[in-house]
Structures are given as structure tokens and as C-alpha cells.
Amino acid sequence: NSSKPTWASVQGVESIWAGYTGVLGFLIVFRNNQAYMRFWEGATLVNQVRGEWYNAVSSLFAFCNKEDESQEAVFCFQQLLVRLASMLYC
């Protein structure tokens, strides 16, 4: 007969534990939802940037000189542009 309280004799532990796990579960779900929304926002912005770079490179190709004398220089420029754009992971 010890005077030390045991877990079974402590009143209200179940309700405290239920409240704790409820709050903890809510916080975990809330933080996961926030992380999920941030991930998709970032993925959307990355795709938007890729589209902008693609449009910029396409415009530079469209406005290249079409004269026969400068075809070699234009081809070299286009090759360089494609290589630089590919380094952006577009």
C-alpha cells in the first residue's frame, strides 16, 4: 500500500489525453494542408516561368534574320539560344 499515485488512480487522464491528441491531430492536418498548398503554388509558378521562357525563346527565333547572307550567323545564334535556354531547365 504505497501512497504514490498510479496512472489508474489519477482522475481525468483520459480526457486530458483525448484533448491533447485532438489538438495535436488538428495541428498536424493543418500544417500538412499548408505544405501541400505551398507545394502546388510553387509548382504552378515554376510552370508559368517555364512558359514565359519558352515564349521568349520562340519570339527570338521568330524575329531572326531570314536573309541568305546571314544564315550561318543566325544558325549559330539559334543554337546558342537553345543551349542557354536548356540550361534553365525549360
C-alpha atoms as a PDB file:
ATOM      1  CA  ASN A   1       0.000   0.000   0.000  1.00  0.00           C
ATOM      2  CA  SER A   2       2.165   2.824  -1.208  1.00  0.00           C
ATOM      3  CA  SER A   3       0.952   6.405  -1.143  1.00  0.00           C
ATOM      4  CA  LYS A   4       2.292   7.015  -4.663  1.00  0.00           C
ATOM      5  CA  PRO A   5      -0.481   7.645  -7.213  1.00  0.00           C
ATOM      6  CA  THR A   6      -0.643   5.333 -10.200  1.00  0.00           C
ATOM      7  CA  TRP A   7      -1.960   6.117 -13.673  1.00  0.00           C
ATOM      8  CA  ALA A   8      -5.096   4.154 -12.942  1.00  0.00           C
ATOM      9  CA  SER A   9      -5.884   6.197  -9.858  1.00  0.00           C
ATOM     10  CA  VAL A  10      -5.352   9.636 -11.452  1.00  0.00           C
ATOM     11  CA  GLN A  11      -8.708  11.196 -12.322  1.00  0.00           C
ATOM     12  CA  GLY A  12      -9.263  12.790 -15.721  1.00  0.00           C
ATOM     13  CA  VAL A  13      -6.185  11.460 -17.512  1.00  0.00           C
ATOM     14  CA  GLU A  14      -8.311  10.055 -20.321  1.00  0.00           C
ATOM     15  CA  SER A  15      -9.974  13.388 -21.038  1.00  0.00           C
ATOM     16  CA  ILE A  16      -6.656  15.246 -20.929  1.00  0.00           C
ATOM     17  CA  TRP A  17      -5.101  12.681 -23.252  1.00  0.00           C
ATOM     18  CA  ALA A  18      -8.065  12.885 -25.638  1.00  0.00           C
ATOM     19  CA  GLY A  19      -7.831  16.688 -25.720  1.00  0.00           C
ATOM     20  CA  TYR A  20      -4.090  16.556 -26.315  1.00  0.00           C
ATOM     21  CA  THR A  21      -4.324  14.069 -29.174  1.00  0.00           C
ATOM     22  CA  GLY A  22      -7.224  16.006 -30.717  1.00  0.00           C
ATOM     23  CA  VAL A  23      -5.261  19.274 -30.739  1.00  0.00           C
ATOM     24  CA  LEU A  24      -2.131  17.513 -31.960  1.00  0.00           C
ATOM     25  CA  GLY A  25      -4.059  15.818 -34.772  1.00  0.00           C
ATOM     26  CA  PHE A  26      -5.593  19.126 -35.826  1.00  0.00           C
ATOM     27  CA  LEU A  27      -2.189  20.819 -35.920  1.00  0.00           C
ATOM     28  CA  ILE A  28      -0.669  18.022 -37.992  1.00  0.00           C
ATOM     29  CA  VAL A  29      -3.507  18.104 -40.504  1.00  0.00           C
ATOM     30  CA  PHE A  30      -3.389  21.908 -40.703  1.00  0.00           C
ATOM     31  CA  ARG A  31       0.369  22.009 -41.281  1.00  0.00           C
ATOM     32  CA  ASN A  32       0.197  19.252 -43.911  1.00  0.00           C
ATOM     33  CA  ASN A  33      -2.543  21.143 -45.717  1.00  0.00           C
ATOM     34  CA  GLN A  34      -0.451  24.336 -45.656  1.00  0.00           C
ATOM     35  CA  ALA A  35       2.592  22.490 -47.002  1.00  0.00           C
ATOM     36  CA  TYR A  36       0.502  20.881 -49.748  1.00  0.00           C
ATOM     37  CA  MET A  37      -0.915  24.243 -50.827  1.00  0.00           C
ATOM     38  CA  ARG A  38       2.555  25.832 -50.855  1.00  0.00           C
ATOM     39  CA  PHE A  39       3.931  22.977 -52.935  1.00  0.00           C
ATOM     40  CA  TRP A  40       1.236  23.364 -55.589  1.00  0.00           C
ATOM     41  CA  GLU A  41       1.607  27.132 -55.622  1.00  0.00           C
ATOM     42  CA  GLY A  42       5.340  26.721 -56.247  1.00  0.00           C
ATOM     43  CA  ALA A  43       4.781  24.089 -58.935  1.00  0.00           C
ATOM     44  CA  THR A  44       2.288  26.377 -60.675  1.00  0.00           C
ATOM     45  CA  LEU A  45       4.704  29.302 -60.604  1.00  0.00           C
ATOM     46  CA  VAL A  46       7.563  27.171 -61.960  1.00  0.00           C
ATOM     47  CA  ASN A  47       5.382  26.077 -64.880  1.00  0.00           C
ATOM     48  CA  GLN A  48       4.401  29.679 -65.508  1.00  0.00           C
ATOM     49  CA  VAL A  49       8.070  30.735 -65.608  1.00  0.00           C
ATOM     50  CA  ARG A  50       8.845  27.867 -67.986  1.00  0.00           C
ATOM     51  CA  GLY A  51       6.082  29.068 -70.289  1.00  0.00           C
ATOM     52  CA  GLU A  52       7.398  32.632 -70.211  1.00  0.00           C
ATOM     53  CA  TRP A  53      10.909  31.480 -71.122  1.00  0.00           C
ATOM     54  CA  TYR A  54       9.505  29.311 -73.914  1.00  0.00           C
ATOM     55  CA  ASN A  55       7.612  32.296 -75.304  1.00  0.00           C
ATOM     56  CA  ALA A  56      10.722  34.472 -75.112  1.00  0.00           C
ATOM     57  CA  VAL A  57      12.874  31.937 -76.976  1.00  0.00           C
ATOM     58  CA  SER A  58      10.128  31.414 -79.569  1.00  0.00           C
ATOM     59  CA  SER A  59       9.913  35.157 -80.151  1.00  0.00           C
ATOM     60  CA  LEU A  60      13.672  35.404 -80.617  1.00  0.00           C
ATOM     61  CA  PHE A  61      13.517  32.597 -83.175  1.00  0.00           C
ATOM     62  CA  ALA A  62      10.623  34.260 -84.997  1.00  0.00           C
ATOM     63  CA  PHE A  63      12.446  37.590 -85.324  1.00  0.00           C
ATOM     64  CA  CYS A  64      15.707  36.135 -86.621  1.00  0.00           C
ATOM     65  CA  ASN A  65      17.039  37.443 -89.918  1.00  0.00           C
ATOM     66  CA  LYS A  66      15.914  35.403 -92.934  1.00  0.00           C
ATOM     67  CA  GLU A  67      18.476  36.728 -95.447  1.00  0.00           C
ATOM     68  CA  ASP A  68      20.732  34.200 -97.148  1.00  0.00           C
ATOM     69  CA  GLU A  69      23.961  36.074 -96.327  1.00  0.00           C
ATOM     70  CA  SER A  70      23.488  35.753 -92.570  1.00  0.00           C
ATOM     71  CA  GLN A  71      22.106  32.212 -92.361  1.00  0.00           C
ATOM     72  CA  GLU A  72      25.262  30.815 -90.749  1.00  0.00           C
ATOM     73  CA  ALA A  73      25.349  33.511 -88.059  1.00  0.00           C
ATOM     74  CA  VAL A  74      21.610  33.103 -87.447  1.00  0.00           C
ATOM     75  CA  PHE A  75      22.011  29.333 -87.131  1.00  0.00           C
ATOM     76  CA  CYS A  76      24.856  29.768 -84.612  1.00  0.00           C
ATOM     77  CA  PHE A  77      22.760  32.262 -82.651  1.00  0.00           C
ATOM     78  CA  GLN A  78      19.788  29.900 -82.586  1.00  0.00           C
ATOM     79  CA  GLN A  79      21.951  27.001 -81.438  1.00  0.00           C
ATOM     80  CA  LEU A  80      23.451  29.122 -78.665  1.00  0.00           C
ATOM     81  CA  LEU A  81      19.996  30.309 -77.625  1.00  0.00           C
ATOM     82  CA  VAL A  82      18.666  26.766 -77.413  1.00  0.00           C
ATOM     83  CA  ARG A  83      21.644  25.655 -75.334  1.00  0.00           C
ATOM     84  CA  LEU A  84      21.306  28.588 -72.935  1.00  0.00           C
ATOM     85  CA  ALA A  85      17.570  28.080 -72.593  1.00  0.00           C
ATOM     86  CA  SER A  86      18.028  24.360 -71.938  1.00  0.00           C
ATOM     87  CA  MET A  87      20.341  25.200 -69.042  1.00  0.00           C
ATOM     88  CA  LEU A  88      17.346  26.941 -67.451  1.00  0.00           C
ATOM     89  CA  TYR A  89      15.561  23.582 -67.439  1.00  0.00           C
ATOM     90  CA  CYS A  90      12.888  24.823 -69.767  1.00  0.00           C
END
